[in-house]
Every structure is written in C-alpha cells, then in structure tokens.
Amino acid sequence: MLTIDNYLNSVKGNLQIHSDRLIQQIRKTLDFHYYEKVDLLDYTAFIQPYELSIMMYSMDRNANEVFYQGNDDNLFAGSFDLIEDVEYYQIRDEKEDEFWKFYEQNDEVISKLETDVFIKWFKDCWNQAGGKNVKLPAYFSFHDYDNCLDLTHNKLVSDGDKWF
C-alpha cells in the first residue's frame, strides 16, 4: 500500500544514490576562483515529475547572472551543472493510476514534505563538500519558488532577501 512515509522514504533512497556525485560537483564550485563581480552563488533545483536537476549560477546583487569574458582562464563566472535529470521516484506502469490518485489526495502535504527532503539532502551534501568554507554568500532554491535556503546562515529566507 502506498503511504506518504513509503513514498518519502523511496525519494530519500533515490536521492542518496546520487549524493557522492552531488558532493563532488559542489566541491568543484567551491574551488572556483570567482570573478570579482560575482556577489553570491545561487544553487537552483529544477523539479520535473520524478526528476531533479541542479545548476549553480554566479550572480550579482541585482539578480543578474555574472559572466566573465576576459582572458584569465583561472576566473569563473556563469553557470555550472551540478546534476542533471536525477530520477528521484519510479512508478511502475501498472501502478501509475493508483499513484496519481494517492498523490492528488495528498498533494499539499507531499509537496511540503518533498521540498523538505530536497533541502535536507542538498544541505547535507553541501556540508559534506565543505560548503561552510565558501567565501561568497550561497543559497539553495527551487526554480520559481519564493523561499530559499541561506546556506551560509542555515535558514530559510525569501528569494528576494538574498539580493540585498
């Protein structure tokens, strides 16, 4: 029988499979020598049904992505793919109707709990990668969501607050 706990445990297990890769990719972003006009790092998750991708963007305080067009190969600005199309849940074809009925009945609860699972997973990987040593402010957000996690201060803030 499908329950919220079973579903979330499956999501956690599927994400855990990709933790080492995410930690490795986060470490790469921590080792970059950022262009001086980069004010913050914005790690953004893109959620599709059962798939997750995470990008890192180097941003200024005006909510613009910063690019470097100079000749110094040691400087970084722009975006970086951390992970792409990670499958966080699998539905067998014969169970798809049952799953969607379950999901629709519990949509609000599941959405909140899923978000919490994704945030905890990213934060755990961030900490294991040494994220606390980054010099720039860093945030984890979901594309088109208002709240984001301030990774430096370990608290949820409005997406707009990170620009000030």
Protein backbone atom coordinates (compact mmCIF):
# COMPACT_ATOMS: atom_id res chain seq x y z
CA MET A 1 0.00 0.00 0.00
CA LEU A 2 1.26 3.44 -0.90
CA THR A 3 1.68 5.80 2.04
CA ILE A 4 3.29 9.20 2.42
CA ASP A 5 6.07 7.67 4.52
CA ASN A 6 6.76 4.95 1.93
CA TYR A 7 6.82 7.50 -0.85
CA LEU A 8 9.18 9.86 1.01
CA ASN A 9 11.49 7.00 2.03
CA SER A 10 11.72 5.98 -1.62
CA VAL A 11 12.54 9.58 -2.64
CA LYS A 12 15.22 9.79 0.07
CA GLY A 13 16.75 6.49 -1.03
CA ASN A 14 16.84 7.50 -4.68
CA LEU A 15 18.44 10.84 -3.84
CA GLN A 16 21.02 9.15 -1.60
CA ILE A 17 22.26 7.16 -4.60
CA HIS A 18 23.38 10.48 -6.13
CA SER A 19 24.90 12.07 -3.01
CA ASP A 20 28.53 11.28 -3.81
CA ARG A 21 28.19 12.82 -7.27
CA LEU A 22 26.49 15.94 -5.87
CA ILE A 23 29.16 16.33 -3.18
CA GLN A 24 31.89 16.05 -5.82
CA GLN A 25 30.18 18.66 -8.01
CA ILE A 26 29.62 21.06 -5.11
CA ARG A 27 33.33 20.78 -4.25
CA LYS A 28 34.19 21.85 -7.79
CA THR A 29 32.13 25.02 -7.37
CA LEU A 30 33.83 25.73 -4.04
CA ASP A 31 37.24 25.54 -5.71
CA PHE A 32 36.44 28.00 -8.48
CA HIS A 33 38.21 31.37 -8.45
CA TYR A 34 35.24 33.65 -8.95
CA TYR A 35 35.35 36.83 -11.00
CA GLU A 36 35.31 39.88 -8.68
CA LYS A 37 31.85 40.96 -9.87
CA VAL A 38 30.26 37.76 -8.52
CA ASP A 39 28.40 38.61 -5.31
CA LEU A 40 26.69 35.31 -4.49
CA LEU A 41 26.21 31.71 -5.55
CA ASP A 42 22.71 30.53 -6.37
CA TYR A 43 22.23 26.76 -6.49
CA THR A 44 18.87 26.22 -8.18
CA ALA A 45 16.90 22.98 -8.35
CA PHE A 46 14.64 22.32 -11.30
CA ILE A 47 11.96 19.79 -10.43
CA GLN A 48 10.07 17.80 -13.03
CA PRO A 49 7.83 14.84 -12.27
CA TYR A 50 10.29 12.41 -10.69
CA GLU A 51 13.41 14.16 -11.98
CA LEU A 52 15.64 16.76 -10.44
CA SER A 53 18.42 18.88 -11.93
CA ILE A 54 20.58 21.39 -10.04
CA MET A 55 22.52 24.30 -11.53
CA MET A 56 24.83 26.80 -9.85
CA TYR A 57 24.69 30.39 -11.05
CA SER A 58 27.18 33.13 -10.19
CA MET A 59 25.08 36.21 -9.53
CA ASP A 60 25.38 39.89 -8.66
CA ARG A 61 23.21 41.64 -6.05
CA ASN A 62 20.88 42.91 -8.79
CA ALA A 63 19.70 39.34 -9.52
CA ASN A 64 21.73 39.15 -12.74
CA GLU A 65 23.91 36.24 -13.71
CA VAL A 66 27.53 37.36 -13.96
CA PHE A 67 29.69 36.32 -16.90
CA TYR A 68 33.41 36.80 -17.39
CA GLN A 69 34.65 37.49 -20.89
CA GLY A 70 38.28 38.22 -20.14
CA ASN A 71 41.38 36.21 -20.90
CA ASP A 72 42.17 34.88 -17.41
CA ASP A 73 41.37 31.16 -17.58
CA ASN A 74 41.57 30.93 -13.78
CA LEU A 75 38.48 33.10 -13.24
CA PHE A 76 34.97 31.69 -13.26
CA ALA A 77 31.61 33.34 -13.78
CA GLY A 78 28.48 31.88 -15.31
CA SER A 79 26.62 28.69 -14.62
CA PHE A 80 27.66 25.16 -13.79
CA ASP A 81 25.64 21.90 -13.97
CA LEU A 82 25.82 20.02 -10.69
CA ILE A 83 23.50 17.17 -11.53
CA GLU A 84 21.09 16.60 -14.36
CA ASP A 85 17.91 14.55 -14.64
CA VAL A 86 18.29 12.62 -11.39
CA GLU A 87 15.35 10.26 -11.05
CA TYR A 88 14.03 10.60 -7.51
CA TYR A 89 10.97 8.35 -7.82
CA GLN A 90 9.98 5.47 -10.04
CA ILE A 91 6.44 4.37 -10.81
CA ARG A 92 5.70 1.05 -12.40
CA ASP A 93 3.34 1.46 -15.35
CA GLU A 94 0.66 -0.71 -13.78
CA LYS A 95 0.71 1.44 -10.60
CA GLU A 96 0.61 4.84 -12.28
CA ASP A 97 -3.16 5.45 -11.89
CA GLU A 98 -3.03 4.39 -8.24
CA PHE A 99 -0.05 6.64 -7.59
CA TRP A 100 -1.63 9.75 -9.15
CA LYS A 101 -4.82 9.23 -7.18
CA PHE A 102 -2.76 8.95 -3.99
CA TYR A 103 -0.67 12.00 -4.93
CA GLU A 104 -3.68 14.18 -5.73
CA GLN A 105 -5.34 13.26 -2.41
CA ASN A 106 -2.19 14.26 -0.51
CA ASP A 107 -0.77 16.93 -2.81
CA GLU A 108 -0.27 19.75 -0.29
CA VAL A 109 1.31 17.54 2.35
CA ILE A 110 3.52 15.71 -0.14
CA SER A 111 4.70 18.93 -1.82
CA LYS A 112 5.82 20.40 1.51
CA LEU A 113 7.50 17.18 2.66
CA GLU A 114 9.20 16.65 -0.72
CA THR A 115 10.61 20.17 -0.55
CA ASP A 116 11.92 19.46 2.95
CA VAL A 117 13.56 16.23 1.73
CA PHE A 118 15.27 18.01 -1.19
CA ILE A 119 16.50 20.82 1.07
CA LYS A 120 17.86 18.42 3.70
CA TRP A 121 19.59 16.31 1.06
CA PHE A 122 21.25 19.31 -0.59
CA LYS A 123 22.23 20.82 2.77
CA ASP A 124 23.78 17.51 3.91
CA CYS A 125 25.74 17.23 0.67
CA TRP A 126 26.75 20.90 0.94
CA ASN A 127 28.12 20.36 4.45
CA GLN A 128 29.97 17.18 3.44
CA ALA A 129 31.51 19.04 0.50
CA GLY A 130 32.87 21.72 2.84
CA GLY A 131 30.38 24.39 1.87
CA LYS A 132 30.82 26.24 5.13
CA ASN A 133 34.25 27.34 3.88
CA VAL A 134 32.93 29.24 0.86
CA LYS A 135 33.71 32.96 0.94
CA LEU A 136 30.65 34.11 -1.01
CA PRO A 137 27.05 34.03 0.24
CA ALA A 138 25.38 30.90 -1.10
CA TYR A 139 21.73 29.90 -1.49
CA PHE A 140 19.77 26.81 -2.47
CA SER A 141 16.46 27.49 -4.17
CA PHE A 142 13.83 25.89 -6.34
CA HIS A 143 13.12 27.41 -9.73
CA ASP A 144 10.05 29.66 -9.48
CA TYR A 145 9.65 29.24 -5.68
CA ASP A 146 9.73 32.19 -3.31
CA ASN A 147 11.68 30.69 -0.40
CA CYS A 148 15.29 29.60 -0.50
CA LEU A 149 17.83 28.24 1.94
CA ASP A 150 20.58 30.63 3.00
CA LEU A 151 23.42 28.09 3.15
CA THR A 152 25.72 30.49 4.99
CA HIS A 153 23.29 31.07 7.87
CA ASN A 154 21.33 27.79 7.54
CA LYS A 155 17.90 29.41 7.44
CA LEU A 156 15.03 29.81 5.01
CA VAL A 157 14.65 33.30 3.54
CA SER A 158 12.54 34.89 0.86
CA ASP A 159 14.16 34.67 -2.55
CA GLY A 160 14.07 38.46 -2.73
CA ASP A 161 16.04 38.79 0.53
CA LYS A 162 19.17 37.24 -0.96
CA TRP A 163 19.64 40.18 -3.29
CA PHE A 164 20.03 42.74 -0.50
